[in-house]
Amino acid sequence: MLLVTCLVLVGVSSTLGLDNGLAKTPPMGWLTWERFRCITDCKKYPDECISENLIKRTADFMVSEGYLDAGYEYLGIDDCWLEKKRGPDGRIVPDKERFPNGMKAVADYIHSKGLKFGMYEDYGNLTCAGYPGVLGNERLDIQTFVDWEIDYLKLDGCYIDPMAMDEGYPAFGKMLNETGRQILYSCSWPAYQEPENIHPNYESIAEHCNLWRNWDDIEDSWSSLTSIMNWFGDNQDRLAKHAGPGHWNDPDMLLIGNFGLTIDQARVQMAVWAVLAAPLLMSTDLTTIRPEFKEILLNKDIIAVNQDPMGKQGLRVWKKTGRGSRARLEIWNRELHDDSFALAFVSQRDDGIPYAAEFSFEEMSLPQADYEVYDLYKDEKQRYLKSNEDFGVRINPSGVKFYKFVPKSKVEKSHSSRVATIDAVVNAVLNKD
């Protein structure tokens, strides 16, 4: 990788944090990269190239197929949307053949659908795919994005010295804030420092970014998914405490609906991303997605876990590894705002054998109490767990069982409150008569 050793900051202080009021829960939306990558040949791939047609088609389907109603509000264009050279006035220019009406027209179409518009750039002199980056043109490019009325900016980190990011990313975020337009700020800051054994300053990252990529790009495979899950589990003690309303760790896009995951494996990603309070950023062809994958993406109970207003990132609380990876089983636990807990029991076995086990409250990291237990994928009926019992599960290989544990005292209190409300209404009507 070419490294640029200097960064133009134009007298910007990095001491002021991001204050845009956005991302109070993890952002949800759709991005081009994982599914459509850098496909630019629209003659050969007319339905898959990064183009105005792809974005408009996706906007239509996000609305008509219920994704916007489910919370997926951002529609983002990743790399490869640019001309290879800036315009005569120094501004970045969208590819004239693939975006013939310009980005403002694309933004207007997206906004007309009730969606928000996301864009990609890079803090280096080039994007990762070799298109113009923002280095040396920060203010001009930010003004261009404001003129186009974007709502979300993903700023990558190719072709820039990782050591310069500690000043560069906060500086850029401050310039975004100074425009007065609310623009969600997605950083790639730690994703370039972690592999170089540069210890990211997550306290500063959380102060200056709405979300940030921590580790490797996710690829469309079970092995890539589990490697990222394992990295987050192994490093959770230094990551989880920095996540919360307005600022989130980002393990990368959802693979669900593409080529590399089975239904069970797709369920694993959705469950673990919900526990991690991760951004839910789809990257699939919504016009051809199979119904089974669509059902996972639109699961309102799991989305509710992900969007829990307390914003506390969950943890991997238990794991077992036998010979090789086949015997690996793990439990992920997230505490929710209503005193309930979301628990994902994940099997990373790939030998075709289901895993059956019983777990104690200690192993589940669950407070001792009586619980009503709800299967968030609706494969099982409601269950009851007493405080003196173990909890039994049977998990498909490379699969998950995902439950919400609601304390029985909470259920009874809620029931009593509903009964009291009904009684009050009835009494008010009778007294009125």
Protein backbone atom coordinates (compact mmCIF):
# COMPACT_ATOMS: atom_id res chain seq x y z
CA MET A 1 0.00 0.00 0.00
CA LEU A 2 1.26 3.47 -0.92
CA LEU A 3 1.56 5.58 2.19
CA VAL A 4 1.15 9.33 2.22
CA THR A 5 3.13 10.79 5.08
CA CYS A 6 1.56 14.20 5.33
CA LEU A 7 -2.01 15.39 5.84
CA VAL A 8 -3.47 18.77 5.05
CA LEU A 9 -5.50 19.89 8.05
CA VAL A 10 -5.92 23.59 7.23
CA GLY A 11 -5.67 24.73 10.80
CA VAL A 12 -8.38 22.45 12.14
CA SER A 13 -8.34 21.45 15.79
CA SER A 14 -9.04 17.81 16.64
CA THR A 15 -10.07 18.50 20.22
CA LEU A 16 -13.75 19.02 19.47
CA GLY A 17 -15.88 15.90 19.23
CA LEU A 18 -18.60 15.00 16.79
CA ASP A 19 -21.93 16.49 17.79
CA ASN A 20 -24.43 15.81 15.02
CA GLY A 21 -27.22 14.17 17.04
CA LEU A 22 -27.29 11.12 14.74
CA ALA A 23 -27.10 7.33 15.17
CA LYS A 24 -28.79 7.14 18.56
CA THR A 25 -29.33 3.50 17.62
CA PRO A 26 -27.12 1.54 15.19
CA PRO A 27 -27.59 2.82 11.62
CA MET A 28 -29.58 0.63 9.24
CA GLY A 29 -29.48 0.72 5.47
CA TRP A 30 -28.05 -0.70 2.25
CA LEU A 31 -24.60 -0.32 0.65
CA THR A 32 -23.36 -1.34 -2.78
CA TRP A 33 -19.95 -2.82 -1.97
CA GLU A 34 -20.32 -6.40 -0.74
CA ARG A 35 -22.67 -7.50 -3.51
CA PHE A 36 -21.76 -5.21 -6.41
CA ARG A 37 -18.13 -4.34 -5.61
CA CYS A 38 -16.55 -2.26 -8.40
CA ILE A 39 -18.60 -3.46 -11.37
CA THR A 40 -18.47 -0.56 -13.83
CA ASP A 41 -19.17 -2.25 -17.19
CA CYS A 42 -22.84 -1.47 -17.69
CA LYS A 43 -22.91 -2.98 -21.18
CA LYS A 44 -21.79 -6.37 -19.90
CA TYR A 45 -23.56 -6.19 -16.53
CA PRO A 46 -26.48 -3.77 -16.98
CA ASP A 47 -28.26 -4.85 -13.78
CA GLU A 48 -25.17 -4.99 -11.56
CA CYS A 49 -22.95 -2.05 -12.46
CA ILE A 50 -22.54 0.83 -10.01
CA SER A 51 -24.96 3.25 -11.62
CA GLU A 52 -27.92 5.55 -11.26
CA ASN A 53 -30.18 2.74 -12.43
CA LEU A 54 -28.99 0.37 -9.69
CA ILE A 55 -29.50 2.99 -6.99
CA LYS A 56 -32.97 4.00 -8.17
CA ARG A 57 -34.06 0.37 -8.51
CA THR A 58 -32.81 -0.37 -5.01
CA ALA A 59 -34.58 2.69 -3.61
CA ASP A 60 -37.83 1.48 -5.15
CA PHE A 61 -37.46 -1.98 -3.64
CA MET A 62 -36.43 -0.69 -0.21
CA VAL A 63 -39.77 1.07 -0.05
CA SER A 64 -42.07 -1.40 -1.83
CA GLU A 65 -40.69 -4.51 -0.09
CA GLY A 66 -40.87 -3.14 3.46
CA TYR A 67 -37.19 -2.50 4.19
CA LEU A 68 -37.66 1.21 4.89
CA ASP A 69 -40.61 0.47 7.17
CA ALA A 70 -38.39 -2.03 9.03
CA GLY A 71 -35.80 0.69 9.71
CA TYR A 72 -33.36 0.41 6.80
CA GLU A 73 -33.28 4.12 5.97
CA TYR A 74 -29.84 4.79 4.40
CA LEU A 75 -29.06 3.95 0.78
CA GLY A 76 -25.32 4.22 0.16
CA ILE A 77 -23.03 4.17 -2.88
CA ASP A 78 -19.59 2.76 -2.05
CA ASP A 79 -16.40 3.04 -4.15
CA CYS A 80 -16.20 3.30 -7.96
CA TRP A 81 -18.82 6.00 -8.57
CA LEU A 82 -16.29 8.62 -9.68
CA GLU A 83 -14.60 9.78 -12.85
CA LYS A 84 -10.88 8.98 -12.73
CA LYS A 85 -9.99 12.71 -12.72
CA ARG A 86 -11.42 15.77 -11.02
CA GLY A 87 -13.25 18.39 -13.04
CA PRO A 88 -11.74 21.67 -14.29
CA ASP A 89 -12.89 23.41 -11.11
CA GLY A 90 -11.14 20.81 -8.95
CA ARG A 91 -14.35 19.13 -7.82
CA ILE A 92 -14.96 15.39 -7.72
CA VAL A 93 -17.17 14.26 -10.60
CA PRO A 94 -19.51 11.23 -10.79
CA ASP A 95 -18.98 8.94 -13.76
CA LYS A 96 -20.79 10.69 -16.60
CA GLU A 97 -22.05 7.55 -18.31
CA ARG A 98 -23.21 5.67 -15.23
CA PHE A 99 -24.63 8.74 -13.44
CA PRO A 100 -25.74 10.87 -16.39
CA ASN A 101 -27.98 13.16 -14.32
CA GLY A 102 -25.41 13.77 -11.57
CA MET A 103 -25.49 13.01 -7.88
CA LYS A 104 -27.90 15.75 -6.89
CA ALA A 105 -30.55 14.12 -9.06
CA VAL A 106 -29.78 10.75 -7.43
CA ALA A 107 -30.09 12.35 -4.00
CA ASP A 108 -33.41 13.94 -4.93
CA TYR A 109 -34.78 10.58 -6.06
CA ILE A 110 -33.63 8.83 -2.88
CA HIS A 111 -35.08 11.59 -0.70
CA SER A 112 -38.37 11.48 -2.63
CA LYS A 113 -38.73 7.89 -1.44
CA GLY A 114 -38.24 8.85 2.21
CA LEU A 115 -34.74 7.38 2.28
CA LYS A 116 -31.41 8.98 3.18
CA PHE A 117 -28.44 9.22 0.80
CA GLY A 118 -25.02 7.74 1.61
CA MET A 119 -21.72 8.28 -0.22
CA TYR A 120 -18.15 6.95 -0.08
CA GLU A 121 -14.77 8.65 -0.22
CA ASP A 122 -11.23 8.06 1.05
CA TYR A 123 -8.94 10.25 3.13
CA GLY A 124 -5.96 9.38 0.94
CA ASN A 125 -5.13 10.86 -2.44
CA LEU A 126 -6.92 7.85 -4.00
CA THR A 127 -9.83 5.63 -3.04
CA CYS A 128 -9.09 1.94 -2.52
CA ALA A 129 -10.15 1.29 -6.14
CA GLY A 130 -7.96 4.09 -7.51
CA TYR A 131 -10.41 6.97 -7.92
CA PRO A 132 -9.71 10.50 -6.60
CA GLY A 133 -9.51 10.74 -2.80
CA VAL A 134 -10.08 13.83 -0.66
CA LEU A 135 -6.51 14.49 0.48
CA GLY A 136 -5.70 18.15 -0.10
CA ASN A 137 -9.29 18.90 -1.15
CA GLU A 138 -11.13 18.25 2.09
CA ARG A 139 -13.17 21.46 2.32
CA LEU A 140 -14.02 21.50 -1.37
CA ASP A 141 -15.18 17.89 -1.29
CA ILE A 142 -17.22 18.40 1.84
CA GLN A 143 -18.94 21.38 0.23
CA THR A 144 -19.63 19.24 -2.84
CA PHE A 145 -21.26 16.58 -0.65
CA VAL A 146 -23.34 19.25 1.07
CA ASP A 147 -24.41 20.64 -2.31
CA TRP A 148 -25.51 17.12 -3.28
CA GLU A 149 -27.41 16.87 0.05
CA ILE A 150 -25.89 13.62 1.25
CA ASP A 151 -26.85 12.25 4.68
CA TYR A 152 -24.10 9.67 5.31
CA LEU A 153 -20.41 9.60 4.47
CA LYS A 154 -18.18 6.55 4.66
CA LEU A 155 -14.56 7.76 4.71
CA ASP A 156 -12.11 4.96 3.91
CA GLY A 157 -8.40 4.90 4.72
CA CYS A 158 -6.46 3.60 1.72
CA TYR A 159 -3.30 5.46 0.62
CA ILE A 160 -2.80 7.34 3.87
CA ASP A 161 -0.39 6.79 6.73
CA PRO A 162 -2.33 5.09 9.57
CA MET A 163 -0.43 7.23 12.07
CA ALA A 164 -1.97 10.35 10.50
CA MET A 165 -5.51 9.12 11.16
CA ASP A 166 -5.54 10.19 14.81
CA GLU A 167 -5.58 13.81 13.63
CA GLY A 168 -7.09 13.41 10.18
CA TYR A 169 -10.40 11.74 10.97
CA PRO A 170 -11.35 14.15 13.78
CA ALA A 171 -10.38 17.10 11.58
CA PHE A 172 -12.57 15.92 8.74
CA GLY A 173 -15.48 15.29 11.11
CA LYS A 174 -15.18 18.80 12.50
CA MET A 175 -15.35 20.22 8.98
CA LEU A 176 -18.48 18.15 8.33
CA ASN A 177 -20.07 19.59 11.46
CA GLU A 178 -19.18 23.14 10.49
CA THR A 179 -21.36 22.87 7.35
CA GLY A 180 -24.50 22.74 9.49
CA ARG A 181 -25.80 19.71 7.59
CA GLN A 182 -26.40 16.53 9.58
CA ILE A 183 -24.16 13.92 7.94
CA LEU A 184 -23.63 10.53 9.56
CA TYR A 185 -19.86 9.96 9.76
CA SER A 186 -18.53 6.44 9.20
CA CYS A 187 -14.78 6.10 9.83
CA SER A 188 -12.34 3.37 8.83
CA TRP A 189 -9.76 4.64 11.30
CA PRO A 190 -9.09 1.58 13.51
CA ALA A 191 -9.43 -0.88 10.60
CA TYR A 192 -6.10 0.40 9.26
CA GLN A 193 -4.38 0.68 12.64
CA GLU A 194 -5.30 -2.68 14.18
CA PRO A 195 -3.44 -4.80 11.53
CA GLU A 196 -0.34 -2.60 11.95
CA ASN A 197 -0.34 -3.18 15.73
CA ILE A 198 -1.01 0.50 16.26
CA HIS A 199 -3.26 0.62 19.30
CA PRO A 200 -6.30 2.65 18.22
CA ASN A 201 -7.46 5.33 20.61
CA TYR A 202 -11.04 4.12 20.84
CA GLU A 203 -11.99 6.84 23.29
CA SER A 204 -11.10 9.45 20.67
CA ILE A 205 -12.66 7.40 17.86
CA ALA A 206 -15.96 7.18 19.75
CA GLU A 207 -15.84 10.91 20.36
CA HIS A 208 -15.33 11.81 16.70
CA CYS A 209 -17.18 9.17 14.64
CA ASN A 210 -20.74 7.82 14.54
CA LEU A 211 -19.49 4.36 13.56
CA TRP A 212 -16.12 2.88 12.72
CA ARG A 213 -14.83 -0.20 10.97
CA ASN A 214 -12.62 -2.14 13.37
CA TRP A 215 -11.16 -5.02 11.41
CA ASP A 216 -11.00 -6.89 8.09
CA ASP A 217 -13.40 -6.41 5.20
CA ILE A 218 -16.05 -9.08 5.40
CA GLU A 219 -16.16 -11.52 2.48
CA ASP A 220 -19.10 -13.60 1.31
CA SER A 221 -18.24 -16.79 3.21
CA TRP A 222 -18.84 -18.57 6.49
CA SER A 223 -15.10 -18.56 7.24
CA SER A 224 -14.92 -14.78 6.86
CA LEU A 225 -18.01 -14.26 9.01
CA THR A 226 -16.74 -16.47 11.83
CA SER A 227 -13.25 -14.95 11.73
CA ILE A 228 -14.78 -11.49 12.31
CA MET A 229 -17.08 -12.82 15.04
CA ASN A 230 -14.12 -14.48 16.75
CA TRP A 231 -12.01 -11.32 16.53
CA PHE A 232 -14.77 -9.26 18.12
CA GLY A 233 -15.22 -11.85 20.86
CA ASP A 234 -11.49 -12.01 21.54
CA ASN A 235 -11.18 -8.21 21.70
CA GLN A 236 -14.49 -7.30 23.30
CA ASP A 237 -13.01 -6.08 26.58
CA ARG A 238 -11.42 -3.12 24.84
CA LEU A 239 -14.15 -2.55 22.23
CA ALA A 240 -17.58 -2.88 23.82
CA LYS A 241 -17.25 -0.10 26.37
CA HIS A 242 -16.87 2.50 23.62
CA ALA A 243 -20.13 1.65 21.84
CA GLY A 244 -23.37 3.41 22.66
CA PRO A 245 -25.93 5.91 21.35
CA GLY A 246 -24.26 8.04 18.70
CA HIS A 247 -21.13 5.87 18.29
CA TRP A 248 -20.87 2.19 17.29
CA ASN A 249 -18.35 -0.52 16.53
CA ASP A 250 -18.87 -1.77 12.96
CA PRO A 251 -18.03 -5.41 12.09
CA ASP A 252 -18.98 -4.65 8.45
CA MET A 253 -21.89 -5.34 6.11
CA LEU A 254 -24.52 -8.05 6.24
CA LEU A 255 -23.84 -10.93 3.83
CA ILE A 256 -27.43 -12.12 4.03
CA GLY A 257 -29.04 -12.80 0.66
CA ASN A 258 -25.86 -13.30 -1.36
CA PHE A 259 -24.01 -16.48 -2.35
CA GLY A 260 -21.79 -17.60 0.52
CA LEU A 261 -24.09 -18.29 3.49
CA THR A 262 -26.73 -20.92 4.11
CA ILE A 263 -29.99 -19.93 5.78
CA ASP A 264 -28.65 -21.12 9.14
CA GLN A 265 -25.42 -19.17 8.69
CA ALA A 266 -27.33 -16.05 7.66
CA ARG A 267 -29.36 -16.38 10.85
CA VAL A 268 -26.09 -16.49 12.80
CA GLN A 269 -24.94 -13.18 11.37
CA MET A 270 -28.24 -11.43 12.02
CA ALA A 271 -28.32 -12.69 15.61
CA VAL A 272 -24.72 -11.86 16.47
CA TRP A 273 -24.90 -8.44 14.79
CA ALA A 274 -28.00 -7.73 16.89
CA VAL A 275 -26.15 -8.69 20.08
CA LEU A 276 -23.15 -6.58 19.07
CA ALA A 277 -25.36 -3.52 18.53
CA ALA A 278 -23.76 -3.42 15.07
CA PRO A 279 -24.92 -1.28 12.18
CA LEU A 280 -27.27 -3.33 9.98
CA LEU A 281 -26.08 -2.49 6.48
CA MET A 282 -27.44 -4.83 3.84
CA SER A 283 -25.54 -5.40 0.61
CA THR A 284 -27.54 -7.69 -1.61
CA ASP A 285 -29.68 -7.55 -4.74
CA LEU A 286 -33.13 -6.81 -3.37
CA THR A 287 -34.73 -7.67 -6.71
CA THR A 288 -33.61 -11.31 -6.62
CA ILE A 289 -33.24 -12.07 -2.90
CA ARG A 290 -34.78 -15.38 -1.81
CA PRO A 291 -37.78 -15.11 0.56
CA GLU A 292 -35.96 -17.02 3.32
CA PHE A 293 -33.19 -14.42 3.45
CA LYS A 294 -35.61 -11.53 3.18
CA GLU A 295 -37.48 -12.92 6.19
CA ILE A 296 -34.26 -12.81 8.23
CA LEU A 297 -33.50 -9.21 7.26
CA LEU A 298 -37.04 -8.10 8.11
CA ASN A 299 -37.35 -9.97 11.43
CA LYS A 300 -38.85 -7.21 13.57
CA ASP A 301 -38.04 -8.87 16.91
CA ILE A 302 -34.34 -9.19 16.07
CA ILE A 303 -34.23 -5.67 14.67
CA ALA A 304 -35.74 -4.51 17.98
CA VAL A 305 -32.85 -6.17 19.83
CA ASN A 306 -30.34 -4.46 17.55
CA GLN A 307 -32.09 -1.10 17.97
CA ASP A 308 -32.51 -1.36 21.74
CA PRO A 309 -32.45 2.24 23.02
CA MET A 310 -30.05 1.53 25.90
CA GLY A 311 -27.40 0.88 23.27
CA LYS A 312 -25.31 -1.50 25.35
CA GLN A 313 -23.12 -3.75 23.20
CA GLY A 314 -23.44 -7.43 24.06
CA LEU A 315 -20.62 -9.87 24.76
CA ARG A 316 -19.54 -13.39 24.04
CA VAL A 317 -19.95 -14.81 27.54
CA TRP A 318 -19.08 -18.48 27.03
CA LYS A 319 -17.28 -20.63 24.50
CA LYS A 320 -16.11 -24.22 24.16
CA THR A 321 -13.52 -25.45 21.69
CA GLY A 322 -12.70 -29.09 21.29
CA ARG A 323 -10.49 -30.70 18.68
CA GLY A 324 -10.24 -28.19 15.87
CA SER A 325 -13.07 -25.77 15.19
CA ARG A 326 -15.81 -28.37 14.79
CA ALA A 327 -16.69 -28.58 18.47
CA ARG A 328 -16.84 -24.80 18.94
CA LEU A 329 -19.96 -23.55 20.68
CA GLU A 330 -20.49 -20.10 22.09
CA ILE A 331 -23.05 -17.91 23.83
CA TRP A 332 -23.53 -14.21 23.10
CA ASN A 333 -25.54 -12.16 25.61
CA ARG A 334 -26.93 -8.64 25.39
CA GLU A 335 -28.68 -6.77 28.18
CA LEU A 336 -31.68 -4.75 27.02
CA HIS A 337 -33.34 -1.60 28.32
CA ASP A 338 -36.38 -3.44 29.75
CA ASP A 339 -34.28 -5.72 32.02
CA SER A 340 -34.57 -8.59 29.56
CA PHE A 341 -31.68 -10.32 27.79
CA ALA A 342 -31.06 -11.48 24.22
CA LEU A 343 -28.97 -14.67 24.03
CA ALA A 344 -27.56 -16.19 20.86
CA PHE A 345 -26.34 -19.80 21.12
CA VAL A 346 -24.01 -20.25 18.14
CA SER A 347 -22.50 -23.43 16.76
CA GLN A 348 -19.47 -23.09 14.51
CA ARG A 349 -19.43 -26.82 13.81
CA ASP A 350 -19.19 -27.64 10.12
CA ASP A 351 -19.48 -31.43 10.33
CA GLY A 352 -23.23 -31.73 9.79
CA ILE A 353 -23.93 -32.72 13.41
CA PRO A 354 -26.41 -30.71 15.56
CA TYR A 355 -25.16 -29.72 18.99
CA ALA A 356 -27.36 -30.39 22.03
CA ALA A 357 -26.43 -29.03 25.44
CA GLU A 358 -27.77 -27.61 28.68
CA PHE A 359 -26.44 -24.44 30.25
CA SER A 360 -26.46 -23.01 33.74
CA PHE A 361 -27.31 -19.41 34.58
CA GLU A 362 -23.63 -18.80 35.25
CA GLU A 363 -22.60 -20.11 31.82
CA MET A 364 -25.25 -17.92 30.17
CA SER A 365 -24.22 -14.92 32.30
CA LEU A 366 -27.87 -14.55 33.19
CA PRO A 367 -29.17 -13.24 36.54
CA GLN A 368 -30.85 -15.97 38.56
CA ALA A 369 -34.62 -15.59 38.13
CA ASP A 370 -37.68 -17.13 36.52
CA TYR A 371 -37.99 -16.24 32.84
CA GLU A 372 -40.37 -16.41 29.94
CA VAL A 373 -38.28 -17.32 26.90
CA TYR A 374 -39.17 -16.34 23.36
CA ASP A 375 -37.55 -17.79 20.25
CA LEU A 376 -36.79 -14.76 18.06
CA TYR A 377 -36.77 -16.90 14.91
CA LYS A 378 -40.15 -18.41 15.87
CA ASP A 379 -39.06 -22.04 15.51
CA GLU A 380 -40.18 -22.88 19.06
CA LYS A 381 -43.15 -22.03 21.19
CA GLN A 382 -42.77 -19.84 24.25
CA ARG A 383 -40.79 -21.56 27.01
CA TYR A 384 -40.44 -21.08 30.75
CA LEU A 385 -37.17 -21.26 32.66
CA LYS A 386 -37.20 -21.52 36.44
CA SER A 387 -34.36 -20.17 38.52
CA ASN A 388 -33.32 -23.66 39.66
CA GLU A 389 -33.16 -25.17 36.13
CA ASP A 390 -30.61 -25.40 33.36
CA PHE A 391 -31.55 -24.24 29.87
CA GLY A 392 -31.44 -26.80 27.06
CA VAL A 393 -30.80 -26.00 23.40
CA ARG A 394 -30.23 -27.97 20.23
CA ILE A 395 -28.37 -26.04 17.54
CA ASN A 396 -27.91 -26.85 13.88
CA PRO A 397 -24.31 -27.08 12.64
CA SER A 398 -23.10 -23.57 11.69
CA GLY A 399 -26.41 -22.35 13.09
CA VAL A 400 -27.93 -20.40 15.96
CA LYS A 401 -30.75 -20.40 18.47
CA PHE A 402 -31.68 -16.87 19.42
CA TYR A 403 -33.89 -16.13 22.41
CA LYS A 404 -35.19 -13.24 24.44
CA PHE A 405 -35.28 -13.96 28.19
CA VAL A 406 -37.88 -11.82 29.94
CA PRO A 407 -37.95 -11.92 33.79
CA LYS A 408 -41.26 -13.33 34.97
CA SER A 409 -41.61 -10.50 37.48
CA LYS A 410 -41.41 -8.05 34.58
CA VAL A 411 -44.09 -9.95 32.66
CA GLU A 412 -46.40 -10.05 35.68
CA LYS A 413 -45.87 -6.33 36.33
CA SER A 414 -46.65 -5.53 32.70
CA HIS A 415 -49.77 -7.70 32.84
CA SER A 416 -50.94 -6.04 36.06
CA SER A 417 -50.36 -2.62 34.52
CA ARG A 418 -52.44 -3.52 31.47
CA VAL A 419 -55.26 -4.86 33.65
CA ALA A 420 -55.19 -1.71 35.78
CA THR A 421 -55.35 0.46 32.68
CA ILE A 422 -58.32 -1.48 31.31
CA ASP A 423 -60.10 -1.27 34.69
CA ALA A 424 -59.48 2.47 34.83
CA VAL A 425 -60.94 2.96 31.37
CA VAL A 426 -64.00 0.82 32.18
CA ASN A 427 -64.59 2.68 35.47
CA ALA A 428 -64.25 6.04 33.74
CA VAL A 429 -66.88 5.06 31.17
CA LEU A 430 -69.25 3.71 33.85
CA ASN A 431 -68.87 6.80 36.03
CA LYS A 432 -69.45 9.02 33.02
CA ASP A 433 -72.71 7.20 32.31
